[in-house]
Amino acid sequence: MEWIQVITIIASIIGGNVVLMGIIANVQNKRFDDINKRIDDLRQDVDRRLDRLEQDIREIRQLLYKVFEVPHKEDK
């Protein structure tokens, strides 16, 4: 076997590995993007729930003020 054939074989093996590593990196990046999107969706859901909880607490506080006729500060 001549040196040029050995170098060609080594180059093709290295090239194949580079392509494979590129494919793996691309798949992992997609998985990270999917995970980040899911985390963002969950965070937005938690924010919506907290907003609703704050609104409910304000309504309950207003009702309690009315029931007990306690003067209260204006909401911000």
N, C-alpha and C. Protein backbone atom coordinates (compact mmCIF):
# COMPACT_ATOMS: atom_id res chain seq x y z
N MET A 1 0.86 -1.17 0.00
CA MET A 1 0.00 0.00 0.00
C MET A 1 0.91 1.24 0.00
N GLU A 2 0.59 2.18 -0.82
CA GLU A 2 1.40 3.39 -0.90
C GLU A 2 0.96 4.40 0.16
N TRP A 3 1.84 5.35 0.41
CA TRP A 3 1.56 6.36 1.43
C TRP A 3 0.33 7.18 1.09
N ILE A 4 0.14 7.47 -0.16
CA ILE A 4 -1.01 8.29 -0.56
C ILE A 4 -2.32 7.57 -0.23
N GLN A 5 -2.34 6.24 -0.36
CA GLN A 5 -3.53 5.47 -0.01
C GLN A 5 -3.76 5.50 1.50
N VAL A 6 -2.69 5.38 2.28
CA VAL A 6 -2.81 5.42 3.75
C VAL A 6 -3.32 6.79 4.18
N ILE A 7 -2.75 7.84 3.60
CA ILE A 7 -3.19 9.20 3.95
C ILE A 7 -4.65 9.41 3.55
N THR A 8 -5.05 8.88 2.41
CA THR A 8 -6.45 9.01 1.97
C THR A 8 -7.39 8.29 2.92
N ILE A 9 -7.01 7.11 3.37
CA ILE A 9 -7.85 6.36 4.32
C ILE A 9 -7.96 7.12 5.64
N ILE A 10 -6.84 7.61 6.15
CA ILE A 10 -6.86 8.35 7.42
C ILE A 10 -7.70 9.61 7.28
N ALA A 11 -7.54 10.32 6.17
CA ALA A 11 -8.32 11.54 5.95
C ALA A 11 -9.81 11.24 5.87
N SER A 12 -10.18 10.15 5.23
CA SER A 12 -11.60 9.81 5.13
C SER A 12 -12.17 9.42 6.49
N ILE A 13 -11.37 8.75 7.31
CA ILE A 13 -11.83 8.39 8.66
C ILE A 13 -12.02 9.65 9.50
N ILE A 14 -11.04 10.56 9.44
CA ILE A 14 -11.14 11.81 10.21
C ILE A 14 -12.32 12.64 9.71
N GLY A 15 -12.48 12.72 8.39
CA GLY A 15 -13.60 13.48 7.82
C GLY A 15 -14.94 12.91 8.25
N GLY A 16 -15.05 11.60 8.27
CA GLY A 16 -16.29 10.95 8.72
C GLY A 16 -16.58 11.26 10.17
N ASN A 17 -15.52 11.26 10.99
CA ASN A 17 -15.70 11.58 12.41
C ASN A 17 -16.13 13.02 12.61
N VAL A 18 -15.59 13.92 11.81
CA VAL A 18 -15.96 15.33 11.92
C VAL A 18 -17.44 15.50 11.56
N VAL A 19 -17.88 14.85 10.51
CA VAL A 19 -19.29 14.93 10.12
C VAL A 19 -20.18 14.35 11.22
N LEU A 20 -19.78 13.21 11.75
CA LEU A 20 -20.56 12.58 12.83
C LEU A 20 -20.63 13.49 14.05
N MET A 21 -19.51 14.09 14.43
CA MET A 21 -19.50 14.99 15.58
C MET A 21 -20.37 16.22 15.31
N GLY A 22 -20.38 16.70 14.07
CA GLY A 22 -21.24 17.82 13.71
C GLY A 22 -22.71 17.48 13.85
N ILE A 23 -23.06 16.29 13.42
CA ILE A 23 -24.46 15.83 13.54
C ILE A 23 -24.85 15.72 15.00
N ILE A 24 -23.97 15.13 15.81
CA ILE A 24 -24.25 14.97 17.24
C ILE A 24 -24.40 16.34 17.92
N ALA A 25 -23.51 17.27 17.58
CA ALA A 25 -23.60 18.62 18.16
C ALA A 25 -24.90 19.30 17.78
N ASN A 26 -25.32 19.11 16.53
CA ASN A 26 -26.57 19.71 16.07
C ASN A 26 -27.77 19.14 16.83
N VAL A 27 -27.77 17.85 17.03
CA VAL A 27 -28.87 17.20 17.77
C VAL A 27 -28.89 17.69 19.22
N GLN A 28 -27.71 17.80 19.83
CA GLN A 28 -27.66 18.26 21.22
C GLN A 28 -28.13 19.71 21.32
N ASN A 29 -27.74 20.55 20.36
CA ASN A 29 -28.20 21.94 20.39
C ASN A 29 -29.71 22.02 20.27
N LYS A 30 -30.29 21.17 19.43
CA LYS A 30 -31.75 21.16 19.30
C LYS A 30 -32.39 20.75 20.61
N ARG A 31 -31.80 19.75 21.27
CA ARG A 31 -32.35 19.32 22.56
C ARG A 31 -32.26 20.45 23.58
N PHE A 32 -31.11 21.18 23.59
CA PHE A 32 -30.99 22.31 24.51
C PHE A 32 -32.02 23.38 24.19
N ASP A 33 -32.24 23.66 22.92
CA ASP A 33 -33.25 24.63 22.53
C ASP A 33 -34.64 24.19 22.98
N ASP A 34 -34.95 22.91 22.82
CA ASP A 34 -36.24 22.38 23.27
C ASP A 34 -36.39 22.52 24.78
N ILE A 35 -35.33 22.22 25.51
CA ILE A 35 -35.37 22.33 26.98
C ILE A 35 -35.56 23.78 27.38
N ASN A 36 -34.83 24.69 26.73
CA ASN A 36 -34.97 26.12 27.05
C ASN A 36 -36.38 26.62 26.76
N LYS A 37 -36.97 26.17 25.67
CA LYS A 37 -38.33 26.59 25.34
C LYS A 37 -39.31 26.07 26.39
N ARG A 38 -39.12 24.82 26.81
CA ARG A 38 -40.00 24.26 27.84
C ARG A 38 -39.87 25.02 29.16
N ILE A 39 -38.65 25.36 29.51
CA ILE A 39 -38.44 26.13 30.74
C ILE A 39 -39.10 27.50 30.63
N ASP A 40 -38.97 28.15 29.48
CA ASP A 40 -39.62 29.45 29.28
C ASP A 40 -41.14 29.32 29.37
N ASP A 41 -41.69 28.27 28.77
CA ASP A 41 -43.14 28.06 28.85
C ASP A 41 -43.59 27.85 30.29
N LEU A 42 -42.82 27.06 31.04
CA LEU A 42 -43.17 26.82 32.44
C LEU A 42 -43.06 28.10 33.26
N ARG A 43 -42.02 28.91 33.00
CA ARG A 43 -41.85 30.16 33.72
C ARG A 43 -43.01 31.11 33.43
N GLN A 44 -43.43 31.18 32.18
CA GLN A 44 -44.56 32.04 31.84
C GLN A 44 -45.84 31.56 32.52
N ASP A 45 -46.02 30.24 32.61
CA ASP A 45 -47.18 29.68 33.29
C ASP A 45 -47.16 30.05 34.77
N VAL A 46 -46.00 29.93 35.39
CA VAL A 46 -45.86 30.30 36.81
C VAL A 46 -46.15 31.79 36.98
N ASP A 47 -45.64 32.63 36.08
CA ASP A 47 -45.90 34.07 36.16
C ASP A 47 -47.40 34.37 36.07
N ARG A 48 -48.09 33.68 35.13
CA ARG A 48 -49.54 33.88 35.01
C ARG A 48 -50.26 33.46 36.28
N ARG A 49 -49.84 32.36 36.84
CA ARG A 49 -50.49 31.88 38.07
C ARG A 49 -50.24 32.82 39.23
N LEU A 50 -49.02 33.35 39.34
CA LEU A 50 -48.71 34.30 40.41
C LEU A 50 -49.51 35.59 40.24
N ASP A 51 -49.63 36.04 39.00
CA ASP A 51 -50.44 37.24 38.74
C ASP A 51 -51.89 37.00 39.18
N ARG A 52 -52.42 35.86 38.83
CA ARG A 52 -53.80 35.53 39.22
C ARG A 52 -53.93 35.44 40.73
N LEU A 53 -52.94 34.85 41.39
CA LEU A 53 -52.95 34.74 42.85
C LEU A 53 -52.92 36.13 43.49
N GLU A 54 -52.08 37.01 42.98
CA GLU A 54 -52.03 38.37 43.50
C GLU A 54 -53.37 39.08 43.32
N GLN A 55 -53.99 38.88 42.17
CA GLN A 55 -55.29 39.48 41.92
C GLN A 55 -56.34 38.93 42.90
N ASP A 56 -56.32 37.63 43.11
CA ASP A 56 -57.26 37.02 44.06
C ASP A 56 -57.06 37.56 45.46
N ILE A 57 -55.81 37.72 45.86
CA ILE A 57 -55.52 38.25 47.20
C ILE A 57 -56.04 39.68 47.33
N ARG A 58 -55.85 40.49 46.29
CA ARG A 58 -56.39 41.86 46.32
C ARG A 58 -57.91 41.86 46.48
N GLU A 59 -58.56 40.97 45.72
CA GLU A 59 -60.03 40.90 45.80
C GLU A 59 -60.47 40.45 47.19
N ILE A 60 -59.80 39.48 47.76
CA ILE A 60 -60.14 39.00 49.11
C ILE A 60 -59.93 40.11 50.12
N ARG A 61 -58.82 40.84 49.99
CA ARG A 61 -58.53 41.94 50.90
C ARG A 61 -59.63 43.00 50.81
N GLN A 62 -60.05 43.33 49.60
CA GLN A 62 -61.10 44.34 49.42
C GLN A 62 -62.41 43.86 50.07
N LEU A 63 -62.73 42.59 49.89
CA LEU A 63 -63.94 42.05 50.51
C LEU A 63 -63.85 42.10 52.03
N LEU A 64 -62.69 41.76 52.56
CA LEU A 64 -62.51 41.81 54.02
C LEU A 64 -62.63 43.24 54.54
N TYR A 65 -62.09 44.19 53.81
CA TYR A 65 -62.25 45.59 54.20
C TYR A 65 -63.72 45.97 54.25
N LYS A 66 -64.46 45.52 53.25
CA LYS A 66 -65.89 45.84 53.22
C LYS A 66 -66.64 45.18 54.37
N VAL A 67 -66.28 43.92 54.64
CA VAL A 67 -66.97 43.18 55.71
C VAL A 67 -66.70 43.82 57.06
N PHE A 68 -65.45 44.16 57.32
CA PHE A 68 -65.09 44.69 58.63
C PHE A 68 -65.07 46.22 58.66
N GLU A 69 -65.35 46.84 57.53
CA GLU A 69 -65.38 48.29 57.40
C GLU A 69 -64.12 48.93 57.97
N VAL A 70 -63.00 48.40 57.56
CA VAL A 70 -61.71 48.91 58.00
C VAL A 70 -61.18 49.86 56.93
N PRO A 71 -60.79 51.05 57.31
CA PRO A 71 -60.20 51.93 56.30
C PRO A 71 -58.87 51.34 55.82
N HIS A 72 -58.60 51.48 54.55
CA HIS A 72 -57.39 50.88 54.01
C HIS A 72 -56.68 51.85 53.08
N LYS A 73 -55.44 51.56 52.83
CA LYS A 73 -54.64 52.36 51.93
C LYS A 73 -55.07 52.05 50.49
N GLU A 74 -54.88 53.02 49.63
CA GLU A 74 -55.16 52.79 48.22
C GLU A 74 -54.12 51.85 47.64
N ASP A 75 -54.56 50.99 46.72
CA ASP A 75 -53.63 50.08 46.03
C ASP A 75 -52.73 50.88 45.13
N LYS A 76 -51.57 50.36 44.91
CA LYS A 76 -50.61 51.02 44.03
C LYS A 76 -51.04 50.84 42.59
